[in-house]
Amino acid sequence: MILVDSSVWIDYFRGIGTPQTDNLDRFLGTDWLVVGDLILTEVLQGCATDREFTRLTNLLTLFPVVELGGQDIAIQAPRNFRTLRRLGITVRKTIDAIIATRCIQSGYFLLHSDRDFDPFVQHLGLRVV
């Protein structure tokens, strides 16, 4: 399964062509994609109009929506955060630690365009597209 980060969805919906949005376009129509509940929130909060909100809600909920948090992730994400901090790496956003940890724990690949995930790849085994 591939979890798509908000950084890719936002570029995709804005029509910005990147290697990541090209990959997303390639995977659309397969049953490999899932949307994280908090990623859904991030994308939808950026909608400028009610019409856009409704359109994106309808599109994104065509994919399975997975819970990113929960008790196990709420405990493991700060462990991962602390591991990286001991290596001298500061995780800037809690939500990125949660997303990365969910992917690591669930065996998801992450499709992203956010450098904040790189330490999770390098040190904690996050798999990316």
C-alpha atoms as a PDB file:
ATOM      1  CA  MET A   1       0.000   0.000   0.000  1.00  0.00           C
ATOM      2  CA  ILE A   2       1.070   3.562  -0.686  1.00  0.00           C
ATOM      3  CA  LEU A   3       0.175   6.419   1.624  1.00  0.00           C
ATOM      4  CA  VAL A   4       0.242   9.742  -0.207  1.00  0.00           C
ATOM      5  CA  ASP A   5       1.386  12.747   1.817  1.00  0.00           C
ATOM      6  CA  SER A   6      -0.441  16.071   1.647  1.00  0.00           C
ATOM      7  CA  SER A   7       2.632  17.616  -0.015  1.00  0.00           C
ATOM      8  CA  VAL A   8       1.928  15.484  -3.094  1.00  0.00           C
ATOM      9  CA  TRP A   9      -1.866  15.812  -3.071  1.00  0.00           C
ATOM     10  CA  ILE A  10      -1.621  19.602  -2.847  1.00  0.00           C
ATOM     11  CA  ASP A  11       0.824  19.822  -5.756  1.00  0.00           C
ATOM     12  CA  TYR A  12      -1.345  17.389  -7.735  1.00  0.00           C
ATOM     13  CA  PHE A  13      -4.555  19.377  -7.214  1.00  0.00           C
ATOM     14  CA  ARG A  14      -2.745  22.610  -8.076  1.00  0.00           C
ATOM     15  CA  GLY A  15      -1.559  21.081 -11.354  1.00  0.00           C
ATOM     16  CA  ILE A  16       2.116  21.251 -10.399  1.00  0.00           C
ATOM     17  CA  GLY A  17       4.084  18.636 -12.281  1.00  0.00           C
ATOM     18  CA  THR A  18       6.740  16.890 -10.191  1.00  0.00           C
ATOM     19  CA  PRO A  19       8.156  13.361 -10.184  1.00  0.00           C
ATOM     20  CA  GLN A  20       5.925  12.707  -7.166  1.00  0.00           C
ATOM     21  CA  THR A  21       2.728  13.937  -8.851  1.00  0.00           C
ATOM     22  CA  ASP A  22       3.681  11.902 -11.918  1.00  0.00           C
ATOM     23  CA  ASN A  23       3.928   8.843  -9.665  1.00  0.00           C
ATOM     24  CA  LEU A  24       0.584   9.661  -8.091  1.00  0.00           C
ATOM     25  CA  ASP A  25      -0.967   9.959 -11.532  1.00  0.00           C
ATOM     26  CA  ARG A  26       0.508   6.573 -12.429  1.00  0.00           C
ATOM     27  CA  PHE A  27      -0.939   4.911  -9.307  1.00  0.00           C
ATOM     28  CA  LEU A  28      -4.430   6.401  -9.604  1.00  0.00           C
ATOM     29  CA  GLY A  29      -6.900   3.747 -10.676  1.00  0.00           C
ATOM     30  CA  THR A  30      -5.042   1.032  -8.775  1.00  0.00           C
ATOM     31  CA  ASP A  31      -5.984  -0.230  -5.357  1.00  0.00           C
ATOM     32  CA  TRP A  32      -2.563   0.578  -3.907  1.00  0.00           C
ATOM     33  CA  LEU A  33      -3.362   4.065  -2.611  1.00  0.00           C
ATOM     34  CA  VAL A  34      -4.643   4.993   0.825  1.00  0.00           C
ATOM     35  CA  VAL A  35      -5.335   8.384   2.381  1.00  0.00           C
ATOM     36  CA  GLY A  36      -4.416   9.123   5.981  1.00  0.00           C
ATOM     37  CA  ASP A  37      -7.125  10.757   8.057  1.00  0.00           C
ATOM     38  CA  LEU A  38      -4.829  13.586   9.163  1.00  0.00           C
ATOM     39  CA  ILE A  39      -3.586  14.042   5.591  1.00  0.00           C
ATOM     40  CA  LEU A  40      -7.215  14.352   4.513  1.00  0.00           C
ATOM     41  CA  THR A  41      -7.561  17.094   7.125  1.00  0.00           C
ATOM     42  CA  GLU A  42      -4.439  18.912   5.910  1.00  0.00           C
ATOM     43  CA  VAL A  43      -5.589  18.895   2.296  1.00  0.00           C
ATOM     44  CA  LEU A  44      -9.180  19.901   3.020  1.00  0.00           C
ATOM     45  CA  GLN A  45      -8.252  22.768   5.336  1.00  0.00           C
ATOM     46  CA  GLY A  46      -6.540  24.420   2.371  1.00  0.00           C
ATOM     47  CA  CYS A  47      -9.744  24.592   0.310  1.00  0.00           C
ATOM     48  CA  ALA A  48     -10.726  28.137  -0.554  1.00  0.00           C
ATOM     49  CA  THR A  49     -14.391  27.488  -1.343  1.00  0.00           C
ATOM     50  CA  ASP A  50     -17.185  25.170  -0.233  1.00  0.00           C
ATOM     51  CA  ARG A  51     -17.355  23.790  -3.766  1.00  0.00           C
ATOM     52  CA  GLU A  52     -13.653  22.896  -3.744  1.00  0.00           C
ATOM     53  CA  PHE A  53     -14.046  21.373  -0.266  1.00  0.00           C
ATOM     54  CA  THR A  54     -16.909  19.160  -1.454  1.00  0.00           C
ATOM     55  CA  ARG A  55     -15.106  18.170  -4.655  1.00  0.00           C
ATOM     56  CA  LEU A  56     -11.887  17.190  -2.876  1.00  0.00           C
ATOM     57  CA  THR A  57     -13.773  15.398  -0.097  1.00  0.00           C
ATOM     58  CA  ASN A  58     -15.606  13.326  -2.700  1.00  0.00           C
ATOM     59  CA  LEU A  59     -12.380  12.560  -4.588  1.00  0.00           C
ATOM     60  CA  LEU A  60     -10.174  11.716  -1.628  1.00  0.00           C
ATOM     61  CA  THR A  61     -12.722   9.538   0.126  1.00  0.00           C
ATOM     62  CA  LEU A  62     -12.868   7.275  -2.928  1.00  0.00           C
ATOM     63  CA  PHE A  63      -9.657   5.805  -1.470  1.00  0.00           C
ATOM     64  CA  PRO A  64      -9.538   3.869   1.785  1.00  0.00           C
ATOM     65  CA  VAL A  65      -9.002   6.346   4.629  1.00  0.00           C
ATOM     66  CA  VAL A  66      -6.687   4.963   7.302  1.00  0.00           C
ATOM     67  CA  GLU A  67      -6.272   6.146  10.872  1.00  0.00           C
ATOM     68  CA  LEU A  68      -2.766   7.503  11.320  1.00  0.00           C
ATOM     69  CA  GLY A  69      -2.768   7.722  15.112  1.00  0.00           C
ATOM     70  CA  GLY A  70      -4.042   5.432  17.797  1.00  0.00           C
ATOM     71  CA  GLN A  71      -2.356   4.308  20.996  1.00  0.00           C
ATOM     72  CA  ASP A  72       0.497   2.300  19.453  1.00  0.00           C
ATOM     73  CA  ILE A  73       1.486   5.113  17.090  1.00  0.00           C
ATOM     74  CA  ALA A  74       1.041   7.708  19.848  1.00  0.00           C
ATOM     75  CA  ILE A  75       3.733   5.850  21.797  1.00  0.00           C
ATOM     76  CA  GLN A  76       6.028   4.852  18.926  1.00  0.00           C
ATOM     77  CA  ALA A  77       6.119   8.248  17.168  1.00  0.00           C
ATOM     78  CA  PRO A  78       7.825   9.986  20.111  1.00  0.00           C
ATOM     79  CA  ARG A  79      10.219   7.058  20.376  1.00  0.00           C
ATOM     80  CA  ASN A  80      11.171   7.662  16.762  1.00  0.00           C
ATOM     81  CA  PHE A  81      11.372  11.397  17.440  1.00  0.00           C
ATOM     82  CA  ARG A  82      13.728  10.772  20.372  1.00  0.00           C
ATOM     83  CA  THR A  83      15.874   8.361  18.347  1.00  0.00           C
ATOM     84  CA  LEU A  84      16.369  10.994  15.667  1.00  0.00           C
ATOM     85  CA  ARG A  85      16.994  13.705  18.257  1.00  0.00           C
ATOM     86  CA  ARG A  86      19.782  11.575  19.784  1.00  0.00           C
ATOM     87  CA  LEU A  87      21.306  11.511  16.295  1.00  0.00           C
ATOM     88  CA  GLY A  88      21.207  15.321  16.212  1.00  0.00           C
ATOM     89  CA  ILE A  89      18.155  15.490  13.923  1.00  0.00           C
ATOM     90  CA  THR A  90      15.193  17.644  14.860  1.00  0.00           C
ATOM     91  CA  VAL A  91      11.814  16.521  13.557  1.00  0.00           C
ATOM     92  CA  ARG A  92      10.060  19.797  12.805  1.00  0.00           C
ATOM     93  CA  LYS A  93       6.444  18.620  12.697  1.00  0.00           C
ATOM     94  CA  THR A  94       4.696  16.144  14.962  1.00  0.00           C
ATOM     95  CA  ILE A  95       2.364  15.124  12.155  1.00  0.00           C
ATOM     96  CA  ASP A  96       5.356  14.027  10.050  1.00  0.00           C
ATOM     97  CA  ALA A  97       6.541  11.796  12.897  1.00  0.00           C
ATOM     98  CA  ILE A  98       3.054  10.289  13.098  1.00  0.00           C
ATOM     99  CA  ILE A  99       2.817   9.759   9.320  1.00  0.00           C
ATOM    100  CA  ALA A 100       6.277   8.211   9.086  1.00  0.00           C
ATOM    101  CA  THR A 101       5.688   5.999  12.105  1.00  0.00           C
ATOM    102  CA  ARG A 102       2.337   4.731  10.757  1.00  0.00           C
ATOM    103  CA  CYS A 103       4.012   3.860   7.465  1.00  0.00           C
ATOM    104  CA  ILE A 104       6.890   2.071   9.190  1.00  0.00           C
ATOM    105  CA  GLN A 105       4.573   0.147  11.536  1.00  0.00           C
ATOM    106  CA  SER A 106       2.051  -0.794   8.832  1.00  0.00           C
ATOM    107  CA  GLY A 107       4.506  -1.510   6.036  1.00  0.00           C
ATOM    108  CA  TYR A 108       3.156   1.282   3.834  1.00  0.00           C
ATOM    109  CA  PHE A 109       5.288   3.040   1.271  1.00  0.00           C
ATOM    110  CA  LEU A 110       5.123   6.835   1.519  1.00  0.00           C
ATOM    111  CA  LEU A 111       4.818   9.037  -1.550  1.00  0.00           C
ATOM    112  CA  HIS A 112       5.962  12.502  -0.486  1.00  0.00           C
ATOM    113  CA  SER A 113       7.831  15.621  -1.528  1.00  0.00           C
ATOM    114  CA  ASP A 114       8.856  16.784   1.939  1.00  0.00           C
ATOM    115  CA  ARG A 115      12.498  16.588   3.031  1.00  0.00           C
ATOM    116  CA  ASP A 116      11.381  16.202   6.647  1.00  0.00           C
ATOM    117  CA  PHE A 117      10.806  12.501   5.958  1.00  0.00           C
ATOM    118  CA  ASP A 118      14.400  11.870   4.835  1.00  0.00           C
ATOM    119  CA  PRO A 119      15.753  11.080   8.347  1.00  0.00           C
ATOM    120  CA  PHE A 120      12.998   8.497   8.800  1.00  0.00           C
ATOM    121  CA  VAL A 121      14.190   6.851   5.579  1.00  0.00           C
ATOM    122  CA  GLN A 122      17.877   7.036   6.464  1.00  0.00           C
ATOM    123  CA  HIS A 123      17.665   5.945  10.087  1.00  0.00           C
ATOM    124  CA  LEU A 124      14.349   4.238  10.804  1.00  0.00           C
ATOM    125  CA  GLY A 125      13.494   2.222   7.700  1.00  0.00           C
ATOM    126  CA  LEU A 126      10.689   4.311   6.204  1.00  0.00           C
ATOM    127  CA  ARG A 127      10.070   3.057   2.674  1.00  0.00           C
ATOM    128  CA  VAL A 128       9.262   5.631   0.016  1.00  0.00           C
ATOM    129  CA  VAL A 129       8.107   5.570  -3.578  1.00  0.00           C
END
